[in-house]
Amino acid sequence: MKSQIKNKSFHFMTGWVNRFVNAGDTAMEVAGNTALRLCDMEPTYSKIAKASVVYLI
């Protein structure tokens, strides 16, 4: 009986772990794409972006 309870809780936990891993992978993909776009940005736009970030902070 105890082994069945442990197995059920293990399967429940693996589902949550997979969700967190998928969310982390997605966040890293978005961050990487954003970084690449910022590197490819023209210098005038990057100055505007930096000024807007300073203004917002």
PDB file of N, CA and C in Angstrom:
ATOM      1  N   MET A   1       0.820  -1.193   0.000  1.00  0.00           N
ATOM      2  CA  MET A   1       0.000   0.000   0.000  1.00  0.00           C
ATOM      3  C   MET A   1       0.865   1.260   0.000  1.00  0.00           C
ATOM      4  N   LYS A   2       1.902   1.288   0.824  1.00  0.00           N
ATOM      5  CA  LYS A   2       2.756   2.472   0.884  1.00  0.00           C
ATOM      6  C   LYS A   2       3.485   2.700  -0.435  1.00  0.00           C
ATOM      7  N   SER A   3       3.890   1.612  -1.089  1.00  0.00           N
ATOM      8  CA  SER A   3       4.599   1.780  -2.360  1.00  0.00           C
ATOM      9  C   SER A   3       3.680   2.365  -3.429  1.00  0.00           C
ATOM     10  N   GLN A   4       2.396   2.029  -3.390  1.00  0.00           N
ATOM     11  CA  GLN A   4       1.458   2.597  -4.354  1.00  0.00           C
ATOM     12  C   GLN A   4       1.288   4.096  -4.139  1.00  0.00           C
ATOM     13  N   ILE A   5       1.245   4.514  -2.883  1.00  0.00           N
ATOM     14  CA  ILE A   5       1.112   5.938  -2.584  1.00  0.00           C
ATOM     15  C   ILE A   5       2.351   6.684  -3.051  1.00  0.00           C
ATOM     16  N   LYS A   6       3.519   6.115  -2.807  1.00  0.00           N
ATOM     17  CA  LYS A   6       4.757   6.755  -3.237  1.00  0.00           C
ATOM     18  C   LYS A   6       4.800   6.882  -4.754  1.00  0.00           C
ATOM     19  N   ASN A   7       4.378   5.848  -5.467  1.00  0.00           N
ATOM     20  CA  ASN A   7       4.403   5.898  -6.928  1.00  0.00           C
ATOM     21  C   ASN A   7       3.452   6.967  -7.466  1.00  0.00           C
ATOM     22  N   LYS A   8       2.276   7.095  -6.851  1.00  0.00           N
ATOM     23  CA  LYS A   8       1.325   8.107  -7.308  1.00  0.00           C
ATOM     24  C   LYS A   8       1.876   9.505  -7.077  1.00  0.00           C
ATOM     25  N   SER A   9       2.462   9.732  -5.918  1.00  0.00           N
ATOM     26  CA  SER A   9       3.009  11.058  -5.650  1.00  0.00           C
ATOM     27  C   SER A   9       4.200  11.336  -6.560  1.00  0.00           C
ATOM     28  N   PHE A  10       4.965  10.317  -6.904  1.00  0.00           N
ATOM     29  CA  PHE A  10       6.094  10.503  -7.810  1.00  0.00           C
ATOM     30  C   PHE A  10       5.609  10.937  -9.183  1.00  0.00           C
ATOM     31  N   HIS A  11       4.563  10.305  -9.691  1.00  0.00           N
ATOM     32  CA  HIS A  11       4.034  10.681 -11.005  1.00  0.00           C
ATOM     33  C   HIS A  11       3.454  12.088 -10.974  1.00  0.00           C
ATOM     34  N   PHE A  12       2.836  12.453  -9.862  1.00  0.00           N
ATOM     35  CA  PHE A  12       2.311  13.807  -9.721  1.00  0.00           C
ATOM     36  C   PHE A  12       3.444  14.826  -9.760  1.00  0.00           C
ATOM     37  N   MET A  13       4.537  14.535  -9.084  1.00  0.00           N
ATOM     38  CA  MET A  13       5.669  15.454  -9.035  1.00  0.00           C
ATOM     39  C   MET A  13       6.349  15.579 -10.392  1.00  0.00           C
ATOM     40  N   THR A  14       6.460  14.485 -11.127  1.00  0.00           N
ATOM     41  CA  THR A  14       7.132  14.576 -12.423  1.00  0.00           C
ATOM     42  C   THR A  14       6.366  15.485 -13.374  1.00  0.00           C
ATOM     43  N   GLY A  15       5.048  15.510 -13.276  1.00  0.00           N
ATOM     44  CA  GLY A  15       4.261  16.414 -14.112  1.00  0.00           C
ATOM     45  C   GLY A  15       4.570  17.869 -13.817  1.00  0.00           C
ATOM     46  N   TRP A  16       4.669  18.197 -12.542  1.00  0.00           N
ATOM     47  CA  TRP A  16       4.993  19.574 -12.155  1.00  0.00           C
ATOM     48  C   TRP A  16       6.412  19.937 -12.547  1.00  0.00           C
ATOM     49  N   VAL A  17       7.329  19.005 -12.385  1.00  0.00           N
ATOM     50  CA  VAL A  17       8.719  19.272 -12.759  1.00  0.00           C
ATOM     51  C   VAL A  17       8.809  19.538 -14.253  1.00  0.00           C
ATOM     52  N   ASN A  18       8.099  18.754 -15.050  1.00  0.00           N
ATOM     53  CA  ASN A  18       8.113  18.965 -16.501  1.00  0.00           C
ATOM     54  C   ASN A  18       7.553  20.335 -16.867  1.00  0.00           C
ATOM     55  N   ARG A  19       6.527  20.777 -16.158  1.00  0.00           N
ATOM     56  CA  ARG A  19       5.963  22.101 -16.443  1.00  0.00           C
ATOM     57  C   ARG A  19       6.973  23.192 -16.153  1.00  0.00           C
ATOM     58  N   PHE A  20       7.675  23.069 -15.024  1.00  0.00           N
ATOM     59  CA  PHE A  20       8.671  24.084 -14.688  1.00  0.00           C
ATOM     60  C   PHE A  20       9.835  24.060 -15.666  1.00  0.00           C
ATOM     61  N   VAL A  21      10.241  22.882 -16.095  1.00  0.00           N
ATOM     62  CA  VAL A  21      11.341  22.779 -17.055  1.00  0.00           C
ATOM     63  C   VAL A  21      10.930  23.395 -18.386  1.00  0.00           C
ATOM     64  N   ASN A  22       9.726  23.106 -18.837  1.00  0.00           N
ATOM     65  CA  ASN A  22       9.251  23.685 -20.098  1.00  0.00           C
ATOM     66  C   ASN A  22       9.150  25.203 -20.004  1.00  0.00           C
ATOM     67  N   ALA A  23       8.696  25.711 -18.873  1.00  0.00           N
ATOM     68  CA  ALA A  23       8.613  27.164 -18.694  1.00  0.00           C
ATOM     69  C   ALA A  23      10.006  27.782 -18.705  1.00  0.00           C
ATOM     70  N   GLY A  24      10.966  27.115 -18.083  1.00  0.00           N
ATOM     71  CA  GLY A  24      12.340  27.620 -18.078  1.00  0.00           C
ATOM     72  C   GLY A  24      12.951  27.615 -19.463  1.00  0.00           C
ATOM     73  N   ASP A  25      12.693  26.552 -20.218  1.00  0.00           N
ATOM     74  CA  ASP A  25      13.202  26.482 -21.592  1.00  0.00           C
ATOM     75  C   ASP A  25      12.614  27.604 -22.446  1.00  0.00           C
ATOM     76  N   THR A  26      11.328  27.854 -22.288  1.00  0.00           N
ATOM     77  CA  THR A  26      10.674  28.916 -23.048  1.00  0.00           C
ATOM     78  C   THR A  26      11.247  30.277 -22.678  1.00  0.00           C
ATOM     79  N   ALA A  27      11.462  30.509 -21.387  1.00  0.00           N
ATOM     80  CA  ALA A  27      12.016  31.793 -20.944  1.00  0.00           C
ATOM     81  C   ALA A  27      13.420  32.006 -21.503  1.00  0.00           C
ATOM     82  N   MET A  28      14.223  30.964 -21.522  1.00  0.00           N
ATOM     83  CA  MET A  28      15.579  31.091 -22.063  1.00  0.00           C
ATOM     84  C   MET A  28      15.545  31.357 -23.564  1.00  0.00           C
ATOM     85  N   GLU A  29      14.619  30.735 -24.269  1.00  0.00           N
ATOM     86  CA  GLU A  29      14.478  30.959 -25.712  1.00  0.00           C
ATOM     87  C   GLU A  29      14.085  32.408 -25.996  1.00  0.00           C
ATOM     88  N   VAL A  30      13.139  32.926 -25.232  1.00  0.00           N
ATOM     89  CA  VAL A  30      12.704  34.315 -25.410  1.00  0.00           C
ATOM     90  C   VAL A  30      13.846  35.272 -25.091  1.00  0.00           C
ATOM     91  N   ALA A  31      14.572  35.007 -24.010  1.00  0.00           N
ATOM     92  CA  ALA A  31      15.697  35.875 -23.635  1.00  0.00           C
ATOM     93  C   ALA A  31      16.785  35.854 -24.703  1.00  0.00           C
ATOM     94  N   GLY A  32      17.057  34.682 -25.261  1.00  0.00           N
ATOM     95  CA  GLY A  32      18.065  34.575 -26.314  1.00  0.00           C
ATOM     96  C   GLY A  32      17.659  35.320 -27.571  1.00  0.00           C
ATOM     97  N   ASN A  33      16.398  35.174 -27.960  1.00  0.00           N
ATOM     98  CA  ASN A  33      15.907  35.890 -29.146  1.00  0.00           C
ATOM     99  C   ASN A  33      15.947  37.397 -28.934  1.00  0.00           C
ATOM    100  N   THR A  34      15.584  37.832 -27.738  1.00  0.00           N
ATOM    101  CA  THR A  34      15.617  39.267 -27.439  1.00  0.00           C
ATOM    102  C   THR A  34      17.044  39.793 -27.479  1.00  0.00           C
ATOM    103  N   ALA A  35      17.976  39.038 -26.932  1.00  0.00           N
ATOM    104  CA  ALA A  35      19.380  39.465 -26.939  1.00  0.00           C
ATOM    105  C   ALA A  35      19.910  39.568 -28.365  1.00  0.00           C
ATOM    106  N   LEU A  36      19.563  38.610 -29.205  1.00  0.00           N
ATOM    107  CA  LEU A  36      20.009  38.670 -30.601  1.00  0.00           C
ATOM    108  C   LEU A  36      19.421  39.879 -31.322  1.00  0.00           C
ATOM    109  N   ARG A  37      18.167  40.159 -31.066  1.00  0.00           N
ATOM    110  CA  ARG A  37      17.540  41.318 -31.709  1.00  0.00           C
ATOM    111  C   ARG A  37      18.170  42.618 -31.229  1.00  0.00           C
ATOM    112  N   LEU A  38      18.509  42.695 -29.943  1.00  0.00           N
ATOM    113  CA  LEU A  38      19.146  43.905 -29.428  1.00  0.00           C
ATOM    114  C   LEU A  38      20.536  44.089 -30.016  1.00  0.00           C
ATOM    115  N   CYS A  39      21.248  42.991 -30.245  1.00  0.00           N
ATOM    116  CA  CYS A  39      22.585  43.087 -30.849  1.00  0.00           C
ATOM    117  C   CYS A  39      22.508  43.530 -32.307  1.00  0.00           C
ATOM    118  N   ASP A  40      21.460  43.119 -33.006  1.00  0.00           N
ATOM    119  CA  ASP A  40      21.300  43.471 -34.417  1.00  0.00           C
ATOM    120  C   ASP A  40      20.681  44.853 -34.623  1.00  0.00           C
ATOM    121  N   MET A  41      20.298  45.516 -33.550  1.00  0.00           N
ATOM    122  CA  MET A  41      19.626  46.801 -33.648  1.00  0.00           C
ATOM    123  C   MET A  41      20.578  47.886 -34.153  1.00  0.00           C
ATOM    124  N   GLU A  42      20.043  48.818 -34.919  1.00  0.00           N
ATOM    125  CA  GLU A  42      20.851  49.938 -35.403  1.00  0.00           C
ATOM    126  C   GLU A  42      21.250  50.822 -34.223  1.00  0.00           C
ATOM    127  N   PRO A  43      22.393  51.488 -34.328  1.00  0.00           N
ATOM    128  CA  PRO A  43      22.877  52.291 -33.191  1.00  0.00           C
ATOM    129  C   PRO A  43      21.906  53.376 -32.725  1.00  0.00           C
ATOM    130  N   THR A  44      21.201  54.016 -33.654  1.00  0.00           N
ATOM    131  CA  THR A  44      20.274  55.078 -33.227  1.00  0.00           C
ATOM    132  C   THR A  44      19.129  54.505 -32.404  1.00  0.00           C
ATOM    133  N   TYR A  45      18.642  53.340 -32.816  1.00  0.00           N
ATOM    134  CA  TYR A  45      17.560  52.719 -32.066  1.00  0.00           C
ATOM    135  C   TYR A  45      18.036  52.230 -30.707  1.00  0.00           C
ATOM    136  N   SER A  46      19.277  51.771 -30.642  1.00  0.00           N
ATOM    137  CA  SER A  46      19.783  51.298 -29.356  1.00  0.00           C
ATOM    138  C   SER A  46      19.929  52.453 -28.370  1.00  0.00           C
ATOM    139  N   LYS A  47      20.306  53.642 -28.868  1.00  0.00           N
ATOM    140  CA  LYS A  47      20.389  54.816 -27.988  1.00  0.00           C
ATOM    141  C   LYS A  47      19.010  55.182 -27.451  1.00  0.00           C
ATOM    142  N   ILE A  48      18.005  55.098 -28.312  1.00  0.00           N
ATOM    143  CA  ILE A  48      16.632  55.397 -27.889  1.00  0.00           C
ATOM    144  C   ILE A  48      16.168  54.361 -26.866  1.00  0.00           C
ATOM    145  N   ALA A  49      16.493  53.096 -27.114  1.00  0.00           N
ATOM    146  CA  ALA A  49      16.091  52.039 -26.192  1.00  0.00           C
ATOM    147  C   ALA A  49      16.757  52.223 -24.828  1.00  0.00           C
ATOM    148  N   LYS A  50      18.043  52.556 -24.819  1.00  0.00           N
ATOM    149  CA  LYS A  50      18.747  52.780 -23.552  1.00  0.00           C
ATOM    150  C   LYS A  50      18.151  53.960 -22.803  1.00  0.00           C
ATOM    151  N   ALA A  51      17.835  55.038 -23.516  1.00  0.00           N
ATOM    152  CA  ALA A  51      17.249  56.216 -22.875  1.00  0.00           C
ATOM    153  C   ALA A  51      15.877  55.898 -22.288  1.00  0.00           C
ATOM    154  N   SER A  52      15.094  55.092 -22.993  1.00  0.00           N
ATOM    155  CA  SER A  52      13.764  54.749 -22.482  1.00  0.00           C
ATOM    156  C   SER A  52      13.858  53.861 -21.249  1.00  0.00           C
ATOM    157  N   VAL A  53      14.841  52.968 -21.216  1.00  0.00           N
ATOM    158  CA  VAL A  53      15.024  52.119 -20.036  1.00  0.00           C
ATOM    159  C   VAL A  53      15.425  52.969 -18.838  1.00  0.00           C
ATOM    160  N   VAL A  54      16.325  53.919 -19.046  1.00  0.00           N
ATOM    161  CA  VAL A  54      16.738  54.812 -17.957  1.00  0.00           C
ATOM    162  C   VAL A  54      15.543  55.630 -17.473  1.00  0.00           C
ATOM    163  N   TYR A  55      14.708  56.085 -18.395  1.00  0.00           N
ATOM    164  CA  TYR A  55      13.524  56.867 -18.028  1.00  0.00           C
ATOM    165  C   TYR A  55      12.543  56.024 -17.215  1.00  0.00           C
ATOM    166  N   LEU A  56      12.350  54.766 -17.605  1.00  0.00           N
ATOM    167  CA  LEU A  56      11.398  53.903 -16.906  1.00  0.00           C
ATOM    168  C   LEU A  56      11.885  53.509 -15.518  1.00  0.00           C
ATOM    169  N   ILE A  57      13.193  53.399 -15.364  1.00  0.00           N
ATOM    170  CA  ILE A  57      13.738  52.990 -14.057  1.00  0.00           C
ATOM    171  C   ILE A  57      13.795  54.204 -13.176  1.00  0.00           C
TER     172      ILE A  57
END
